[in-house]
Amino acid sequence: VAADIAERFADLVQRWEPTGKNFLGEIATAGTGSRVFTTERVALNAVMDSVFYLDAELKDDKIGSALGAAKANFESPYSKLGRAHVANNLAGFDSIFFGCNGSGLGFDDLLDAVGAARVSTSMREAFDAVKATFAAITEGRLEESLTANTAEARAFYDALKKLAGILKTEVITVLNLELPSRVEGDND
């Protein structure tokens, strides 16, 4: 297993390295020389697809499917690291949507640039609610809280649902992007 992980990690690093497949360079030259992204819109859609991890995989698969389930299929059931994984998922979303460390470029800046500061603000408020409801679930008790369908777990799910709704409707519409196929038809 360790050898497989090391091999996959090396491949991932090579994909980002400027001397490798130079993923950042491919995005930066979208529409003007990228071998991968024929237009800027195609590149934006590719990055936006990763943002939807918060909706399809986190909200639906990890949290929604576990709410009230007696035998939920939790992530990392033996190590009890599910909470840490969810925290990392939220940090990843934060970095992509709002920019690394809150100061880098993110989709919020793009929304502001196209005159949709209201949507950017709505996303910030909704994400702040997601973080607050997640923090309200007692440390080390995520799995138990989900299984028991506690008010805290339900509030976290509902906050994720609200954020996903803004993302699926307002953000996608304003930026003229496409929903990833894995979330099309998911009308929550």
N, C-alpha and C. Protein backbone atom coordinates (compact mmCIF):
# COMPACT_ATOMS: atom_id res chain seq x y z
N VAL A 1 0.83 -1.19 0.00
CA VAL A 1 0.00 0.00 0.00
C VAL A 1 0.87 1.25 0.00
N ALA A 2 1.91 1.24 0.86
CA ALA A 2 2.80 2.39 0.93
C ALA A 2 3.49 2.67 -0.39
N ALA A 3 3.91 1.62 -1.08
CA ALA A 3 4.57 1.79 -2.37
C ALA A 3 3.61 2.38 -3.39
N ASP A 4 2.35 1.94 -3.36
CA ASP A 4 1.34 2.46 -4.27
C ASP A 4 1.08 3.94 -3.99
N ILE A 5 0.98 4.30 -2.72
CA ILE A 5 0.76 5.69 -2.35
C ILE A 5 1.94 6.55 -2.80
N ALA A 6 3.15 6.07 -2.56
CA ALA A 6 4.34 6.81 -2.97
C ALA A 6 4.37 7.02 -4.48
N GLU A 7 3.99 6.01 -5.24
CA GLU A 7 3.97 6.12 -6.70
C GLU A 7 2.93 7.13 -7.15
N ARG A 8 1.74 7.08 -6.55
CA ARG A 8 0.69 8.03 -6.93
C ARG A 8 1.05 9.45 -6.54
N PHE A 9 1.70 9.61 -5.38
CA PHE A 9 2.12 10.93 -4.94
C PHE A 9 3.16 11.50 -5.89
N ALA A 10 4.12 10.69 -6.28
CA ALA A 10 5.16 11.13 -7.22
C ALA A 10 4.53 11.55 -8.55
N ASP A 11 3.53 10.81 -9.00
CA ASP A 11 2.84 11.16 -10.24
C ASP A 11 2.11 12.50 -10.10
N LEU A 12 1.46 12.70 -8.95
CA LEU A 12 0.75 13.95 -8.72
C LEU A 12 1.72 15.14 -8.71
N VAL A 13 2.83 15.01 -8.03
CA VAL A 13 3.84 16.07 -8.00
C VAL A 13 4.33 16.37 -9.42
N GLN A 14 4.58 15.33 -10.18
CA GLN A 14 5.08 15.49 -11.56
C GLN A 14 4.07 16.25 -12.42
N ARG A 15 2.81 16.04 -12.16
CA ARG A 15 1.77 16.74 -12.95
C ARG A 15 1.77 18.25 -12.68
N TRP A 16 2.19 18.67 -11.49
CA TRP A 16 2.21 20.09 -11.14
C TRP A 16 3.54 20.76 -11.46
N GLU A 17 4.63 20.03 -11.46
CA GLU A 17 5.96 20.60 -11.64
C GLU A 17 6.08 21.29 -13.00
N PRO A 18 6.70 22.48 -13.03
CA PRO A 18 6.92 23.17 -14.30
C PRO A 18 7.75 22.33 -15.28
N THR A 19 8.62 21.48 -14.76
CA THR A 19 9.42 20.62 -15.64
C THR A 19 8.68 19.34 -16.00
N GLY A 20 7.50 19.13 -15.41
CA GLY A 20 6.67 17.97 -15.71
C GLY A 20 5.53 18.37 -16.62
N LYS A 21 4.32 18.04 -16.22
CA LYS A 21 3.15 18.37 -17.04
C LYS A 21 2.66 19.80 -16.80
N ASN A 22 3.20 20.47 -15.79
CA ASN A 22 2.99 21.91 -15.58
C ASN A 22 1.50 22.31 -15.58
N PHE A 23 0.73 21.72 -14.67
CA PHE A 23 -0.70 21.99 -14.62
C PHE A 23 -1.00 23.47 -14.46
N LEU A 24 -0.29 24.15 -13.56
CA LEU A 24 -0.52 25.58 -13.37
C LEU A 24 -0.25 26.35 -14.66
N GLY A 25 0.80 26.00 -15.35
CA GLY A 25 1.10 26.63 -16.63
C GLY A 25 0.02 26.39 -17.67
N GLU A 26 -0.53 25.18 -17.65
CA GLU A 26 -1.63 24.86 -18.58
C GLU A 26 -2.85 25.73 -18.31
N ILE A 27 -3.17 25.93 -17.04
CA ILE A 27 -4.31 26.79 -16.70
C ILE A 27 -4.01 28.24 -17.07
N ALA A 28 -2.79 28.70 -16.75
CA ALA A 28 -2.41 30.08 -17.02
C ALA A 28 -2.43 30.42 -18.50
N THR A 29 -2.20 29.44 -19.37
CA THR A 29 -2.18 29.69 -20.81
C THR A 29 -3.43 29.16 -21.51
N ALA A 30 -4.48 28.93 -20.74
CA ALA A 30 -5.74 28.43 -21.33
C ALA A 30 -6.20 29.36 -22.45
N GLY A 31 -6.48 28.76 -23.60
CA GLY A 31 -6.97 29.50 -24.75
C GLY A 31 -5.90 30.19 -25.57
N THR A 32 -4.66 30.21 -25.06
CA THR A 32 -3.60 30.90 -25.79
C THR A 32 -2.35 30.05 -25.96
N GLY A 33 -2.46 28.76 -25.78
CA GLY A 33 -1.29 27.91 -25.94
C GLY A 33 -1.32 26.66 -25.08
N SER A 34 -2.28 26.54 -24.22
CA SER A 34 -2.40 25.35 -23.39
C SER A 34 -2.70 24.15 -24.27
N ARG A 35 -2.04 23.04 -23.96
CA ARG A 35 -2.32 21.79 -24.68
C ARG A 35 -3.56 21.10 -24.11
N VAL A 36 -3.97 21.50 -22.90
CA VAL A 36 -5.07 20.83 -22.21
C VAL A 36 -6.37 21.63 -22.28
N PHE A 37 -6.28 22.95 -22.09
CA PHE A 37 -7.47 23.80 -21.99
C PHE A 37 -7.55 24.72 -23.21
N THR A 38 -8.51 24.44 -24.07
CA THR A 38 -8.63 25.20 -25.32
C THR A 38 -9.13 26.62 -25.12
N THR A 39 -9.88 26.85 -24.03
CA THR A 39 -10.38 28.19 -23.72
C THR A 39 -10.27 28.43 -22.21
N GLU A 40 -10.36 29.71 -21.83
CA GLU A 40 -10.36 30.04 -20.40
C GLU A 40 -11.58 29.43 -19.71
N ARG A 41 -12.69 29.41 -20.41
CA ARG A 41 -13.92 28.84 -19.83
C ARG A 41 -13.75 27.36 -19.51
N VAL A 42 -13.10 26.62 -20.39
CA VAL A 42 -12.85 25.20 -20.15
C VAL A 42 -11.97 25.03 -18.91
N ALA A 43 -10.97 25.88 -18.76
CA ALA A 43 -10.09 25.81 -17.59
C ALA A 43 -10.86 26.16 -16.31
N LEU A 44 -11.68 27.20 -16.36
CA LEU A 44 -12.48 27.58 -15.19
C LEU A 44 -13.45 26.46 -14.80
N ASN A 45 -14.06 25.84 -15.80
CA ASN A 45 -14.95 24.71 -15.51
C ASN A 45 -14.20 23.57 -14.83
N ALA A 46 -12.99 23.31 -15.26
CA ALA A 46 -12.20 22.23 -14.66
C ALA A 46 -11.90 22.52 -13.19
N VAL A 47 -11.55 23.76 -12.90
CA VAL A 47 -11.27 24.12 -11.50
C VAL A 47 -12.58 24.14 -10.70
N MET A 48 -13.63 24.67 -11.29
CA MET A 48 -14.93 24.72 -10.58
C MET A 48 -15.42 23.31 -10.26
N ASP A 49 -15.14 22.35 -11.12
CA ASP A 49 -15.54 20.97 -10.84
C ASP A 49 -14.98 20.50 -9.51
N SER A 50 -13.76 20.91 -9.19
CA SER A 50 -13.17 20.49 -7.91
C SER A 50 -13.88 21.15 -6.73
N VAL A 51 -14.43 22.32 -6.91
CA VAL A 51 -15.17 23.01 -5.85
C VAL A 51 -16.42 22.20 -5.48
N PHE A 52 -16.98 21.51 -6.45
CA PHE A 52 -18.20 20.75 -6.20
C PHE A 52 -17.98 19.48 -5.38
N TYR A 53 -16.74 19.19 -5.01
CA TYR A 53 -16.48 18.10 -4.06
C TYR A 53 -17.27 18.36 -2.78
N LEU A 54 -17.36 19.64 -2.40
CA LEU A 54 -18.09 20.01 -1.19
C LEU A 54 -19.55 19.59 -1.27
N ASP A 55 -20.13 19.62 -2.44
CA ASP A 55 -21.54 19.26 -2.60
C ASP A 55 -21.73 17.75 -2.73
N ALA A 56 -21.18 17.17 -3.76
CA ALA A 56 -21.46 15.76 -4.07
C ALA A 56 -20.82 14.80 -3.07
N GLU A 57 -19.55 14.98 -2.82
CA GLU A 57 -18.87 14.02 -1.96
C GLU A 57 -19.01 14.34 -0.48
N LEU A 58 -18.80 15.59 -0.08
CA LEU A 58 -18.89 15.92 1.35
C LEU A 58 -20.34 15.95 1.82
N LYS A 59 -21.15 16.82 1.24
CA LYS A 59 -22.54 16.96 1.70
C LYS A 59 -23.35 15.69 1.50
N ASP A 60 -23.33 15.14 0.31
CA ASP A 60 -24.18 13.99 0.01
C ASP A 60 -23.61 12.67 0.52
N ASP A 61 -22.36 12.38 0.16
CA ASP A 61 -21.78 11.07 0.47
C ASP A 61 -21.33 10.93 1.92
N LYS A 62 -20.59 11.91 2.41
CA LYS A 62 -20.03 11.78 3.76
C LYS A 62 -21.03 12.15 4.85
N ILE A 63 -21.77 13.22 4.66
CA ILE A 63 -22.63 13.72 5.73
C ILE A 63 -24.07 13.25 5.54
N GLY A 64 -24.65 13.53 4.40
CA GLY A 64 -26.05 13.19 4.15
C GLY A 64 -26.35 11.72 4.29
N SER A 65 -25.49 10.88 3.72
CA SER A 65 -25.75 9.43 3.79
C SER A 65 -25.57 8.88 5.20
N ALA A 66 -24.81 9.58 6.04
CA ALA A 66 -24.56 9.09 7.40
C ALA A 66 -25.60 9.57 8.41
N LEU A 67 -26.33 10.62 8.09
CA LEU A 67 -27.32 11.15 9.04
C LEU A 67 -28.37 10.10 9.39
N GLY A 68 -28.41 9.71 10.64
CA GLY A 68 -29.40 8.76 11.12
C GLY A 68 -29.19 7.32 10.71
N ALA A 69 -28.10 7.02 10.02
CA ALA A 69 -27.85 5.65 9.57
C ALA A 69 -27.20 4.84 10.70
N ALA A 70 -27.79 3.70 11.01
CA ALA A 70 -27.25 2.86 12.08
C ALA A 70 -25.89 2.29 11.70
N LYS A 71 -25.72 1.96 10.44
CA LYS A 71 -24.44 1.39 9.98
C LYS A 71 -23.93 2.25 8.84
N ALA A 72 -23.59 3.47 9.15
CA ALA A 72 -23.11 4.40 8.13
C ALA A 72 -21.71 4.01 7.69
N ASN A 73 -21.40 4.30 6.46
CA ASN A 73 -20.10 4.01 5.90
C ASN A 73 -19.21 5.24 6.07
N PHE A 74 -18.73 5.45 7.30
CA PHE A 74 -17.92 6.62 7.59
C PHE A 74 -16.54 6.50 6.96
N GLU A 75 -15.98 7.64 6.65
CA GLU A 75 -14.61 7.70 6.18
C GLU A 75 -13.69 7.45 7.38
N SER A 76 -12.70 6.61 7.22
CA SER A 76 -11.72 6.29 8.27
C SER A 76 -12.39 5.81 9.56
N PRO A 77 -13.21 4.75 9.49
CA PRO A 77 -13.96 4.33 10.68
C PRO A 77 -13.10 3.82 11.83
N TYR A 78 -11.93 3.28 11.54
CA TYR A 78 -11.11 2.71 12.60
C TYR A 78 -10.19 3.76 13.24
N SER A 79 -9.70 4.67 12.45
CA SER A 79 -8.82 5.69 12.99
C SER A 79 -9.60 6.86 13.58
N LYS A 80 -10.89 6.95 13.26
CA LYS A 80 -11.74 8.05 13.73
C LYS A 80 -11.20 9.40 13.27
N LEU A 81 -10.69 9.44 12.05
CA LEU A 81 -10.17 10.68 11.50
C LEU A 81 -11.17 11.38 10.58
N GLY A 82 -12.42 10.95 10.61
CA GLY A 82 -13.44 11.55 9.74
C GLY A 82 -13.54 13.05 9.92
N ARG A 83 -13.48 13.51 11.17
CA ARG A 83 -13.58 14.95 11.43
C ARG A 83 -12.40 15.68 10.79
N ALA A 84 -11.21 15.12 10.91
CA ALA A 84 -10.02 15.75 10.32
C ALA A 84 -10.14 15.80 8.80
N HIS A 85 -10.69 14.75 8.20
CA HIS A 85 -10.87 14.74 6.75
C HIS A 85 -11.88 15.80 6.31
N VAL A 86 -12.96 15.93 7.07
CA VAL A 86 -13.96 16.96 6.75
C VAL A 86 -13.33 18.34 6.89
N ALA A 87 -12.55 18.56 7.93
CA ALA A 87 -11.86 19.84 8.12
C ALA A 87 -10.95 20.14 6.93
N ASN A 88 -10.25 19.12 6.45
CA ASN A 88 -9.39 19.30 5.28
C ASN A 88 -10.21 19.60 4.03
N ASN A 89 -11.37 18.96 3.88
CA ASN A 89 -12.24 19.25 2.74
C ASN A 89 -12.68 20.71 2.77
N LEU A 90 -13.04 21.19 3.95
CA LEU A 90 -13.47 22.59 4.08
C LEU A 90 -12.30 23.55 3.79
N ALA A 91 -11.12 23.21 4.27
CA ALA A 91 -9.94 24.05 4.00
C ALA A 91 -9.62 24.09 2.51
N GLY A 92 -9.76 22.96 1.83
CA GLY A 92 -9.53 22.93 0.39
C GLY A 92 -10.51 23.80 -0.37
N PHE A 93 -11.78 23.71 0.01
CA PHE A 93 -12.80 24.55 -0.62
C PHE A 93 -12.47 26.03 -0.39
N ASP A 94 -12.13 26.36 0.85
CA ASP A 94 -11.80 27.74 1.22
C ASP A 94 -10.66 28.27 0.34
N SER A 95 -9.62 27.47 0.17
CA SER A 95 -8.46 27.90 -0.62
C SER A 95 -8.80 28.11 -2.09
N ILE A 96 -9.62 27.24 -2.64
CA ILE A 96 -9.96 27.37 -4.06
C ILE A 96 -10.96 28.49 -4.28
N PHE A 97 -11.99 28.55 -3.44
CA PHE A 97 -13.04 29.53 -3.70
C PHE A 97 -12.65 30.94 -3.25
N PHE A 98 -12.00 31.05 -2.10
CA PHE A 98 -11.69 32.36 -1.54
C PHE A 98 -10.20 32.72 -1.62
N GLY A 99 -9.39 31.88 -2.24
CA GLY A 99 -7.97 32.15 -2.39
C GLY A 99 -7.16 31.62 -1.23
N CYS A 100 -5.98 31.17 -1.51
CA CYS A 100 -5.11 30.60 -0.47
C CYS A 100 -4.89 31.60 0.64
N ASN A 101 -5.11 31.16 1.85
CA ASN A 101 -4.93 31.99 3.05
C ASN A 101 -5.78 33.25 3.02
N GLY A 102 -6.84 33.23 2.26
CA GLY A 102 -7.75 34.38 2.19
C GLY A 102 -7.22 35.57 1.42
N SER A 103 -5.96 35.49 0.94
CA SER A 103 -5.40 36.65 0.25
C SER A 103 -5.10 36.39 -1.21
N GLY A 104 -5.09 35.13 -1.62
CA GLY A 104 -4.83 34.80 -3.02
C GLY A 104 -6.08 34.97 -3.86
N LEU A 105 -5.92 34.79 -5.14
CA LEU A 105 -7.06 34.89 -6.05
C LEU A 105 -7.95 33.66 -5.91
N GLY A 106 -9.23 33.89 -5.96
CA GLY A 106 -10.20 32.81 -5.88
C GLY A 106 -11.42 33.16 -6.71
N PHE A 107 -12.40 32.28 -6.68
CA PHE A 107 -13.63 32.54 -7.43
C PHE A 107 -14.36 33.77 -6.89
N ASP A 108 -14.19 34.08 -5.61
CA ASP A 108 -14.82 35.28 -5.06
C ASP A 108 -14.30 36.53 -5.78
N ASP A 109 -13.01 36.56 -6.10
CA ASP A 109 -12.44 37.70 -6.82
C ASP A 109 -13.00 37.79 -8.23
N LEU A 110 -13.20 36.64 -8.86
CA LEU A 110 -13.79 36.62 -10.20
C LEU A 110 -15.23 37.13 -10.15
N LEU A 111 -15.98 36.73 -9.14
CA LEU A 111 -17.35 37.23 -8.99
C LEU A 111 -17.35 38.74 -8.80
N ASP A 112 -16.45 39.24 -7.96
CA ASP A 112 -16.35 40.69 -7.75
C ASP A 112 -16.02 41.40 -9.06
N ALA A 113 -15.10 40.83 -9.85
CA ALA A 113 -14.66 41.45 -11.10
C ALA A 113 -15.77 41.54 -12.14
N VAL A 114 -16.73 40.63 -12.09
CA VAL A 114 -17.82 40.67 -13.07
C VAL A 114 -19.05 41.38 -12.51
N GLY A 115 -18.87 42.08 -11.39
CA GLY A 115 -19.96 42.86 -10.82
C GLY A 115 -20.95 42.07 -9.98
N ALA A 116 -20.53 40.92 -9.48
CA ALA A 116 -21.41 40.08 -8.67
C ALA A 116 -20.91 39.97 -7.23
N ALA A 117 -20.57 41.12 -6.65
CA ALA A 117 -20.07 41.13 -5.27
C ALA A 117 -21.13 40.58 -4.31
N ARG A 118 -22.39 40.77 -4.63
CA ARG A 118 -23.47 40.24 -3.79
C ARG A 118 -23.40 38.73 -3.70
N VAL A 119 -23.11 38.06 -4.81
CA VAL A 119 -23.00 36.60 -4.82
C VAL A 119 -21.76 36.18 -4.03
N SER A 120 -20.68 36.90 -4.21
CA SER A 120 -19.45 36.62 -3.46
C SER A 120 -19.71 36.74 -1.96
N THR A 121 -20.43 37.78 -1.56
CA THR A 121 -20.76 37.98 -0.14
C THR A 121 -21.67 36.86 0.36
N SER A 122 -22.64 36.46 -0.44
CA SER A 122 -23.53 35.36 -0.06
C SER A 122 -22.75 34.07 0.16
N MET A 123 -21.78 33.82 -0.71
CA MET A 123 -20.95 32.62 -0.56
C MET A 123 -20.12 32.69 0.71
N ARG A 124 -19.55 33.86 1.01
CA ARG A 124 -18.75 34.03 2.22
C ARG A 124 -19.61 33.79 3.46
N GLU A 125 -20.79 34.36 3.48
CA GLU A 125 -21.69 34.20 4.63
C GLU A 125 -22.12 32.75 4.79
N ALA A 126 -22.43 32.09 3.68
CA ALA A 126 -22.85 30.69 3.73
C ALA A 126 -21.69 29.80 4.18
N PHE A 127 -20.48 30.09 3.70
CA PHE A 127 -19.33 29.28 4.11
C PHE A 127 -18.99 29.51 5.58
N ASP A 128 -19.13 30.74 6.04
CA ASP A 128 -18.91 31.01 7.46
C ASP A 128 -19.90 30.21 8.32
N ALA A 129 -21.14 30.08 7.85
CA ALA A 129 -22.14 29.27 8.57
C ALA A 129 -21.74 27.79 8.57
N VAL A 130 -21.21 27.31 7.44
CA VAL A 130 -20.73 25.92 7.37
C VAL A 130 -19.65 25.69 8.41
N LYS A 131 -18.66 26.59 8.46
CA LYS A 131 -17.57 26.44 9.42
C LYS A 131 -18.07 26.50 10.86
N ALA A 132 -19.02 27.40 11.13
CA ALA A 132 -19.54 27.54 12.49
C ALA A 132 -20.33 26.31 12.92
N THR A 133 -21.13 25.76 12.02
CA THR A 133 -21.91 24.58 12.40
C THR A 133 -21.02 23.35 12.54
N PHE A 134 -19.97 23.29 11.74
CA PHE A 134 -19.01 22.19 11.89
C PHE A 134 -18.29 22.29 13.23
N ALA A 135 -17.89 23.49 13.59
CA ALA A 135 -17.19 23.71 14.86
C ALA A 135 -18.08 23.38 16.05
N ALA A 136 -19.40 23.47 15.88
CA ALA A 136 -20.33 23.19 16.97
C ALA A 136 -20.45 21.70 17.28
N ILE A 137 -19.98 20.85 16.38
CA ILE A 137 -20.00 19.40 16.63
C ILE A 137 -18.78 19.08 17.49
N THR A 138 -19.01 18.50 18.63
CA THR A 138 -17.96 18.22 19.59
C THR A 138 -16.81 17.46 18.96
N GLU A 139 -15.60 17.91 19.26
CA GLU A 139 -14.38 17.27 18.76
C GLU A 139 -14.42 15.77 19.04
N GLY A 140 -14.11 14.98 18.01
CA GLY A 140 -14.06 13.53 18.17
C GLY A 140 -15.42 12.86 18.17
N ARG A 141 -16.49 13.61 17.92
CA ARG A 141 -17.83 13.04 18.00
C ARG A 141 -18.61 13.17 16.69
N LEU A 142 -17.93 13.38 15.59
CA LEU A 142 -18.63 13.57 14.32
C LEU A 142 -19.46 12.34 13.96
N GLU A 143 -18.84 11.16 14.00
CA GLU A 143 -19.56 9.94 13.61
C GLU A 143 -20.77 9.70 14.50
N GLU A 144 -20.59 9.87 15.79
CA GLU A 144 -21.71 9.65 16.72
C GLU A 144 -22.82 10.68 16.51
N SER A 145 -22.41 11.91 16.25
CA SER A 145 -23.38 12.98 16.02
C SER A 145 -24.20 12.72 14.76
N LEU A 146 -23.54 12.23 13.72
CA LEU A 146 -24.26 11.92 12.48
C LEU A 146 -25.19 10.73 12.66
N THR A 147 -24.70 9.68 13.31
CA THR A 147 -25.53 8.49 13.53
C THR A 147 -26.76 8.82 14.35
N ALA A 148 -26.58 9.66 15.38
CA ALA A 148 -27.70 10.04 16.24
C ALA A 148 -28.57 11.12 15.61
N ASN A 149 -28.14 11.65 14.47
CA ASN A 149 -28.87 12.70 13.76
C ASN A 149 -29.16 13.87 14.72
N THR A 150 -28.12 14.32 15.38
CA THR A 150 -28.26 15.40 16.36
C THR A 150 -28.58 16.72 15.67
N ALA A 151 -29.03 17.67 16.46
CA ALA A 151 -29.32 19.00 15.93
C ALA A 151 -28.07 19.64 15.33
N GLU A 152 -26.91 19.38 15.95
CA GLU A 152 -25.65 19.94 15.43
C GLU A 152 -25.30 19.34 14.08
N ALA A 153 -25.46 18.03 13.95
CA ALA A 153 -25.16 17.37 12.67
C ALA A 153 -26.12 17.83 11.59
N ARG A 154 -27.38 17.96 11.93
CA ARG A 154 -28.38 18.41 10.97
C ARG A 154 -28.10 19.85 10.55
N ALA A 155 -27.70 20.71 11.50
CA ALA A 155 -27.38 22.10 11.18
C ALA A 155 -26.19 22.18 10.22
N PHE A 156 -25.19 21.32 10.43
CA PHE A 156 -24.03 21.28 9.54
C PHE A 156 -24.47 20.88 8.13
N TYR A 157 -25.28 19.83 8.03
CA TYR A 157 -25.77 19.38 6.73
C TYR A 157 -26.58 20.49 6.05
N ASP A 158 -27.46 21.13 6.80
CA ASP A 158 -28.29 22.20 6.23
C ASP A 158 -27.45 23.38 5.75
N ALA A 159 -26.38 23.70 6.49
CA ALA A 159 -25.49 24.79 6.07
C ALA A 159 -24.76 24.41 4.78
N LEU A 160 -24.31 23.16 4.69
CA LEU A 160 -23.68 22.68 3.45
C LEU A 160 -24.67 22.76 2.29
N LYS A 161 -25.90 22.39 2.55
CA LYS A 161 -26.93 22.40 1.51
C LYS A 161 -27.19 23.81 1.00
N LYS A 162 -27.23 24.78 1.93
CA LYS A 162 -27.45 26.17 1.52
C LYS A 162 -26.29 26.67 0.67
N LEU A 163 -25.06 26.38 1.10
CA LEU A 163 -23.89 26.79 0.34
C LEU A 163 -23.90 26.16 -1.06
N ALA A 164 -24.21 24.87 -1.12
CA ALA A 164 -24.26 24.17 -2.41
C ALA A 164 -25.33 24.77 -3.31
N GLY A 165 -26.44 25.19 -2.74
CA GLY A 165 -27.50 25.80 -3.53
C GLY A 165 -27.05 27.10 -4.20
N ILE A 166 -26.35 27.93 -3.45
CA ILE A 166 -25.83 29.18 -4.02
C ILE A 166 -24.81 28.88 -5.10
N LEU A 167 -23.98 27.90 -4.84
CA LEU A 167 -22.95 27.50 -5.79
C LEU A 167 -23.57 27.00 -7.10
N LYS A 168 -24.58 26.14 -6.98
CA LYS A 168 -25.20 25.52 -8.16
C LYS A 168 -26.02 26.49 -8.99
N THR A 169 -26.56 27.51 -8.35
CA THR A 169 -27.45 28.41 -9.08
C THR A 169 -26.77 29.73 -9.38
N GLU A 170 -26.51 30.52 -8.37
CA GLU A 170 -26.01 31.88 -8.59
C GLU A 170 -24.59 31.90 -9.15
N VAL A 171 -23.67 31.17 -8.53
CA VAL A 171 -22.27 31.22 -8.98
C VAL A 171 -22.14 30.70 -10.41
N ILE A 172 -22.71 29.54 -10.66
CA ILE A 172 -22.62 28.94 -12.00
C ILE A 172 -23.27 29.85 -13.05
N THR A 173 -24.40 30.44 -12.72
CA THR A 173 -25.10 31.30 -13.67
C THR A 173 -24.31 32.57 -13.95
N VAL A 174 -23.87 33.25 -12.89
CA VAL A 174 -23.15 34.51 -13.07
C VAL A 174 -21.86 34.31 -13.85
N LEU A 175 -21.14 33.24 -13.57
CA LEU A 175 -19.86 33.00 -14.24
C LEU A 175 -20.02 32.25 -15.57
N ASN A 176 -21.27 31.91 -15.91
CA ASN A 176 -21.57 31.20 -17.16
C ASN A 176 -20.74 29.92 -17.30
N LEU A 177 -20.76 29.12 -16.22
CA LEU A 177 -20.04 27.85 -16.21
C LEU A 177 -21.03 26.70 -16.24
N GLU A 178 -20.52 25.50 -16.33
CA GLU A 178 -21.37 24.31 -16.39
C GLU A 178 -21.29 23.53 -15.09
N LEU A 179 -22.42 22.96 -14.71
CA LEU A 179 -22.42 22.06 -13.55
C LEU A 179 -21.68 20.78 -13.92
N PRO A 180 -20.89 20.25 -13.00
CA PRO A 180 -20.27 18.94 -13.27
C PRO A 180 -21.36 17.89 -13.44
N SER A 181 -21.12 16.90 -14.26
CA SER A 181 -22.15 15.89 -14.54
C SER A 181 -22.57 15.16 -13.27
N ARG A 182 -21.69 15.02 -12.28
CA ARG A 182 -22.05 14.30 -11.06
C ARG A 182 -23.05 15.04 -10.18
N VAL A 183 -23.28 16.34 -10.44
CA VAL A 183 -24.26 17.07 -9.64
C VAL A 183 -25.45 17.55 -10.46
N GLU A 184 -25.43 17.33 -11.76
CA GLU A 184 -26.60 17.70 -12.58
C GLU A 184 -27.80 16.89 -12.12
N GLY A 185 -28.93 17.55 -12.02
CA GLY A 185 -30.15 16.86 -11.62
C GLY A 185 -30.27 16.69 -10.11
N ASP A 186 -29.26 17.08 -9.35
CA ASP A 186 -29.31 17.04 -7.89
C ASP A 186 -29.94 18.36 -7.46
N ASN A 187 -31.23 18.35 -7.23
CA ASN A 187 -32.00 19.57 -7.04
C ASN A 187 -32.12 20.04 -5.60
N ASP A 188 -31.20 19.62 -4.74
CA ASP A 188 -31.33 20.14 -3.38
C ASP A 188 -30.55 21.41 -3.31
